[in-house]
Amino acid sequence: MKKILISALFLIAITLSYFYGLVSHKYALPPFPQILSLKEHLLPLTIGFRDTAGRAEVPCGDLIGGRTMVALVFGQSNSGNHGETLYAPKRAVFNFFDGRCYRAVDPLLGATGDGGSVWSRLGDLLIDGGLYDRVIFIPIGVGTTTIEEWTRGGYLHRRITNAIEQSRACGLAITHLFWVQGGSEPRTGGRANTERYKKNFTAMLRSIRDHGVTAPIYLAIATYCDSGPIPDIQAALRELADPKRKIVIGPDSDVFYKDAANTWEQVHLSHRGLELSSRAWLDVLRRAGEK
């Protein structure tokens, strides 16, 4: 009888553990977030949308040369696939991922999220506007991340260097860097907070330059969080601008959040917000003298 009772209790415990595992995954209850965080810190290159099923692969060698933009896009959620609506480019827009090139379609391979992105839309705009004949995006953004995690020594820095190494091995030379990050930084700290951000960003960029990437880096003013924009980080991003170091101010994404029609899930972009953001990026590139 005692053995039967122990066996029954064991089966009940296993069953409850199984169902709690399902629920914890769905609703992000402990220990799922902790386990996921550990996995991501140990294996940062596995983060992001990775399902290539149904994706049209194109030889990367066929995309080399001519008026081709190759843009590494990184930062937090609004550099990834966290927008409200999906988009499939109609022009020659491609997605580099894990050493291969694919026809771009949302969600883009490599970044977190399973929604829409700014980049898929921007690719069409750049080609329709006559700036490029083809556009290749290398998306590696990770939602809810800080500058310390991306800078040299941070667990996400390997994502940057890996993207550089893989794209170079395929004959692709990065022509642009698009940085969209700031909303996960501390809200308080004043001047020290601003200088902390600038120091970490500078170290990150120095490492990118050390890896042979001389492309200009465009900094979106993207600091909006649950409680609004973060002035310390807005100041840091603007102060980092330096034409001699090829650091250019990108679109001010924070202004989009003044109109609720542009937002989705509070801190992400709605369909309208995605459209506005992609056009803002186009305007910035035009003003920067893109041909």
Protein backbone atom coordinates (compact mmCIF):
# COMPACT_ATOMS: atom_id res chain seq x y z
CA MET A 1 0.00 0.00 0.00
CA LYS A 2 2.84 2.34 0.90
CA LYS A 3 4.52 1.73 -2.47
CA ILE A 4 1.27 2.44 -4.32
CA LEU A 5 0.81 5.71 -2.42
CA ILE A 6 4.38 6.81 -3.14
CA SER A 7 3.97 5.92 -6.83
CA ALA A 8 0.69 7.83 -7.00
CA LEU A 9 2.22 10.91 -5.36
CA PHE A 10 5.17 10.71 -7.75
CA LEU A 11 2.87 10.59 -10.78
CA ILE A 12 0.83 13.51 -9.45
CA ALA A 13 4.02 15.54 -8.89
CA ILE A 14 5.25 14.78 -12.40
CA THR A 15 1.88 15.72 -13.91
CA LEU A 16 1.65 18.96 -11.97
CA SER A 17 5.24 19.82 -12.89
CA TYR A 18 4.47 19.24 -16.55
CA PHE A 19 1.39 21.44 -16.57
CA TYR A 20 3.11 24.13 -14.52
CA GLY A 21 5.92 24.06 -17.07
CA LEU A 22 3.41 24.75 -19.83
CA VAL A 23 1.78 27.57 -17.88
CA SER A 24 5.09 29.11 -16.81
CA HIS A 25 6.22 29.20 -20.43
CA LYS A 26 3.00 30.81 -21.62
CA TYR A 27 2.74 33.40 -18.84
CA ALA A 28 6.46 33.84 -18.07
CA LEU A 29 6.14 32.53 -14.52
CA PRO A 30 9.17 31.38 -12.51
CA PRO A 31 11.38 29.55 -13.24
CA PHE A 32 10.89 30.01 -17.01
CA PRO A 33 12.25 33.60 -17.24
CA GLN A 34 15.26 32.67 -15.11
CA ILE A 35 16.03 29.59 -17.21
CA LEU A 36 15.61 31.54 -20.44
CA SER A 37 17.88 34.32 -19.18
CA LEU A 38 20.56 31.79 -18.24
CA LYS A 39 20.35 30.16 -21.67
CA GLU A 40 20.62 33.52 -23.45
CA HIS A 41 23.64 34.59 -21.40
CA LEU A 42 25.38 31.29 -22.07
CA LEU A 43 24.35 31.06 -25.75
CA PRO A 44 23.79 34.64 -27.04
CA LEU A 45 24.06 33.60 -30.68
CA THR A 46 20.89 31.48 -30.34
CA ILE A 47 18.71 34.47 -29.40
CA GLY A 48 16.15 35.73 -31.89
CA PHE A 49 13.73 34.52 -34.55
CA ARG A 50 15.40 31.61 -36.34
CA ASP A 51 12.70 29.72 -38.27
CA THR A 52 13.85 29.55 -41.89
CA ALA A 53 10.99 27.29 -43.00
CA GLY A 54 9.42 28.70 -46.13
CA ARG A 55 12.12 31.35 -46.57
CA ALA A 56 13.55 31.83 -50.06
CA GLU A 57 17.33 31.52 -49.93
CA VAL A 58 19.44 33.52 -52.38
CA PRO A 59 23.20 33.01 -52.92
CA CYS A 60 24.92 35.87 -51.13
CA GLY A 61 27.46 36.04 -53.94
CA ASP A 62 24.67 37.12 -56.32
CA LEU A 63 24.06 40.23 -54.20
CA ILE A 64 27.59 41.59 -54.11
CA GLY A 65 28.51 44.77 -55.96
CA GLY A 66 26.62 47.65 -57.47
CA ARG A 67 24.48 49.97 -55.40
CA THR A 68 23.95 47.62 -52.47
CA MET A 69 23.33 48.64 -48.87
CA VAL A 70 24.43 46.15 -46.22
CA ALA A 71 23.11 47.36 -42.87
CA LEU A 72 23.78 45.84 -39.46
CA VAL A 73 20.76 46.76 -37.32
CA PHE A 74 21.00 46.27 -33.57
CA GLY A 75 19.87 47.48 -30.17
CA GLN A 76 16.67 46.58 -28.37
CA SER A 77 13.11 45.71 -29.32
CA ASN A 78 12.39 48.46 -31.86
CA SER A 79 15.45 47.33 -33.82
CA GLY A 80 13.84 43.90 -34.06
CA ASN A 81 10.48 42.30 -34.81
CA HIS A 82 8.21 43.85 -32.19
CA GLY A 83 5.96 46.00 -34.39
CA GLU A 84 2.23 45.49 -34.78
CA THR A 85 2.00 44.41 -38.44
CA LEU A 86 4.02 42.17 -40.72
CA TYR A 87 5.42 43.35 -44.04
CA ALA A 88 6.82 41.54 -47.07
CA PRO A 89 9.05 43.75 -49.25
CA LYS A 90 8.24 43.94 -52.95
CA ARG A 91 11.71 45.03 -54.04
CA ALA A 92 15.18 43.46 -53.81
CA VAL A 93 15.37 43.45 -50.01
CA PHE A 94 17.26 40.64 -48.30
CA ASN A 95 17.89 39.27 -44.82
CA PHE A 96 21.36 37.95 -43.89
CA PHE A 97 21.20 35.33 -41.17
CA ASP A 98 23.62 32.69 -39.92
CA GLY A 99 25.85 32.86 -42.97
CA ARG A 100 23.06 32.80 -45.55
CA CYS A 101 20.97 35.32 -47.48
CA TYR A 102 17.19 35.15 -47.76
CA ARG A 103 14.45 37.22 -49.32
CA ALA A 104 13.37 39.53 -46.51
CA VAL A 105 9.95 39.06 -44.95
CA ASP A 106 8.72 39.83 -41.44
CA PRO A 107 9.60 38.66 -38.90
CA LEU A 108 13.21 39.14 -39.94
CA LEU A 109 15.61 36.33 -39.09
CA GLY A 110 18.11 37.02 -36.31
CA ALA A 111 16.36 39.60 -34.11
CA THR A 112 13.90 38.98 -31.29
CA GLY A 113 10.14 39.15 -31.70
CA ASP A 114 7.69 37.60 -34.14
CA GLY A 115 6.00 40.76 -35.38
CA GLY A 116 6.80 43.49 -37.86
CA SER A 117 9.94 45.55 -38.36
CA VAL A 118 10.90 48.99 -39.60
CA TRP A 119 13.62 47.57 -41.86
CA SER A 120 11.50 45.53 -44.24
CA ARG A 121 9.56 48.70 -45.05
CA LEU A 122 12.67 50.86 -45.22
CA GLY A 123 14.24 48.54 -47.79
CA ASP A 124 11.42 49.15 -50.26
CA LEU A 125 11.53 52.90 -49.62
CA LEU A 126 15.28 53.07 -50.27
CA ILE A 127 14.96 51.24 -53.58
CA ASP A 128 11.81 53.07 -54.70
CA GLY A 129 13.53 56.33 -53.82
CA GLY A 130 16.44 55.49 -56.11
CA LEU A 131 19.05 55.38 -53.34
CA TYR A 132 19.96 51.69 -53.80
CA ASP A 133 19.31 48.81 -56.17
CA ARG A 134 19.24 46.23 -53.39
CA VAL A 135 19.28 46.28 -49.60
CA ILE A 136 20.56 43.61 -47.20
CA PHE A 137 19.71 43.82 -43.50
CA ILE A 138 21.58 41.96 -40.76
CA PRO A 139 19.18 42.13 -37.76
CA ILE A 140 20.59 41.13 -34.38
CA GLY A 141 18.54 43.26 -31.94
CA VAL A 142 17.38 41.87 -28.58
CA GLY A 143 14.45 43.28 -26.65
CA THR A 144 14.87 44.85 -23.18
CA THR A 145 18.65 45.14 -23.28
CA THR A 146 21.10 47.75 -22.02
CA ILE A 147 24.23 49.38 -23.40
CA GLU A 148 26.35 47.44 -20.87
CA GLU A 149 25.12 44.19 -22.39
CA TRP A 150 26.08 45.29 -25.91
CA THR A 151 29.43 46.92 -25.23
CA ARG A 152 32.79 45.17 -25.17
CA GLY A 153 32.65 42.60 -22.35
CA GLY A 154 28.84 42.39 -22.39
CA TYR A 155 27.20 39.07 -23.17
CA LEU A 156 25.59 40.41 -26.37
CA HIS A 157 28.78 41.86 -27.84
CA ARG A 158 29.54 38.51 -29.43
CA ARG A 159 26.42 38.95 -31.57
CA ILE A 160 28.00 42.05 -33.13
CA THR A 161 31.39 40.51 -33.83
CA ASN A 162 29.80 37.28 -35.09
CA ALA A 163 27.61 39.21 -37.55
CA ILE A 164 30.67 41.08 -38.82
CA GLU A 165 32.70 37.89 -39.23
CA GLN A 166 29.91 35.90 -40.89
CA SER A 167 28.94 38.62 -43.37
CA ARG A 168 32.58 39.24 -44.30
CA ALA A 169 33.10 35.52 -44.88
CA CYS A 170 30.25 35.66 -47.41
CA GLY A 171 31.79 38.60 -49.22
CA LEU A 172 29.42 41.22 -47.80
CA ALA A 173 30.93 44.53 -46.67
CA ILE A 174 28.83 46.35 -44.07
CA THR A 175 27.98 49.83 -45.37
CA HIS A 176 25.73 51.08 -42.54
CA LEU A 177 25.20 50.55 -38.81
CA PHE A 178 21.76 51.37 -37.37
CA TRP A 179 21.62 51.58 -33.55
CA VAL A 180 18.19 51.65 -31.84
CA GLN A 181 18.56 51.44 -28.05
CA GLY A 182 18.02 53.44 -24.87
CA GLY A 183 14.68 52.58 -23.32
CA SER A 184 16.10 50.02 -20.87
CA GLU A 185 18.60 52.45 -19.31
CA PRO A 186 18.23 54.02 -15.82
CA ARG A 187 15.94 57.03 -15.73
CA THR A 188 17.92 58.87 -13.08
CA GLY A 189 21.53 59.80 -12.57
CA GLY A 190 21.86 63.07 -14.42
CA ARG A 191 25.21 63.86 -15.94
CA ALA A 192 26.82 60.68 -14.61
CA ASN A 193 24.15 58.62 -16.34
CA THR A 194 24.80 60.43 -19.62
CA GLU A 195 28.56 59.94 -19.37
CA ARG A 196 28.15 56.26 -18.43
CA TYR A 197 26.16 55.66 -21.59
CA LYS A 198 28.64 57.55 -23.79
CA LYS A 199 31.59 55.62 -22.34
CA ASN A 200 29.98 52.24 -22.99
CA PHE A 201 28.83 53.20 -26.48
CA THR A 202 32.31 54.45 -27.36
CA ALA A 203 33.85 51.16 -26.22
CA MET A 204 31.32 49.22 -28.31
CA LEU A 205 32.02 51.31 -31.40
CA ARG A 206 35.78 51.05 -30.91
CA SER A 207 35.47 47.26 -30.97
CA ILE A 208 33.41 47.43 -34.17
CA ARG A 209 36.10 49.62 -35.75
CA ASP A 210 38.79 47.22 -34.51
CA HIS A 211 36.97 44.49 -36.45
CA GLY A 212 37.45 46.47 -39.64
CA VAL A 213 34.01 48.06 -40.05
CA THR A 214 34.37 51.70 -41.05
CA ALA A 215 30.73 52.29 -42.00
CA PRO A 216 28.84 55.24 -40.48
CA ILE A 217 26.69 54.48 -37.46
CA TYR A 218 23.26 56.11 -37.18
CA LEU A 219 21.85 56.57 -33.67
CA ALA A 220 18.09 56.65 -33.31
CA ILE A 221 16.82 58.73 -30.40
CA ALA A 222 14.97 55.75 -28.96
CA THR A 223 14.67 56.03 -25.18
CA TYR A 224 10.93 55.71 -24.64
CA CYS A 225 9.92 53.32 -21.83
CA ASP A 226 6.80 52.69 -19.73
CA SER A 227 7.20 56.02 -17.96
CA GLY A 228 8.21 58.09 -20.98
CA PRO A 229 11.48 59.13 -22.63
CA ILE A 230 14.76 59.25 -20.70
CA PRO A 231 16.39 62.73 -20.95
CA ASP A 232 19.82 61.57 -19.73
CA ILE A 233 20.07 59.04 -22.57
CA GLN A 234 18.60 61.39 -25.15
CA ALA A 235 21.41 63.79 -24.25
CA ALA A 236 24.02 61.03 -24.48
CA LEU A 237 22.91 59.99 -27.95
CA ARG A 238 22.92 63.55 -29.25
CA GLU A 239 26.31 64.32 -27.71
CA LEU A 240 27.84 61.23 -29.32
CA ALA A 241 27.21 62.65 -32.80
CA ASP A 242 30.55 63.30 -34.49
CA PRO A 243 30.99 63.49 -38.27
CA LYS A 244 34.73 62.83 -37.92
CA ARG A 245 33.98 59.50 -36.26
CA LYS A 246 31.10 58.77 -38.66
CA ILE A 247 28.52 58.95 -35.87
CA VAL A 248 25.26 60.39 -37.19
CA ILE A 249 21.99 61.16 -35.39
CA GLY A 250 19.16 59.05 -36.77
CA PRO A 251 15.40 59.54 -36.44
CA ASP A 252 13.86 60.75 -33.18
CA SER A 253 11.66 57.76 -32.41
CA ASP A 254 10.62 59.22 -29.05
CA VAL A 255 8.40 61.82 -30.75
CA PHE A 256 6.20 59.09 -32.23
CA TYR A 257 4.93 58.20 -28.75
CA LYS A 258 3.26 61.59 -28.33
CA ASP A 259 0.44 60.18 -30.48
CA ALA A 260 -1.13 56.96 -29.15
CA ALA A 261 -2.06 55.98 -32.71
CA ASN A 262 1.65 55.32 -33.36
CA THR A 263 2.11 52.92 -30.46
CA TRP A 264 1.43 49.26 -29.80
CA GLU A 265 1.97 47.40 -26.53
CA GLN A 266 2.81 50.81 -25.06
CA VAL A 267 6.51 50.85 -26.01
CA HIS A 268 6.40 49.35 -29.51
CA LEU A 269 5.22 50.70 -32.85
CA SER A 270 1.78 50.28 -34.37
CA HIS A 271 1.25 49.85 -38.11
CA ARG A 272 1.19 53.62 -38.46
CA GLY A 273 4.24 53.98 -36.22
CA LEU A 274 6.21 51.51 -38.34
CA GLU A 275 5.33 53.44 -41.49
CA LEU A 276 6.33 56.76 -39.91
CA SER A 277 9.57 55.34 -38.56
CA SER A 278 10.64 53.82 -41.88
CA ARG A 279 10.02 57.13 -43.63
CA ALA A 280 11.93 58.96 -40.91
CA TRP A 281 14.91 56.68 -41.52
CA LEU A 282 14.65 57.38 -45.25
CA ASP A 283 14.66 61.13 -44.60
CA VAL A 284 17.74 60.85 -42.37
CA LEU A 285 19.64 58.88 -45.00
CA ARG A 286 18.71 61.37 -47.69
CA ARG A 287 19.87 64.29 -45.56
CA ALA A 288 23.13 62.46 -44.89
CA GLY A 289 23.82 62.57 -48.61
CA GLU A 290 22.98 58.98 -49.57
CA LYS A 291 23.11 58.51 -53.32
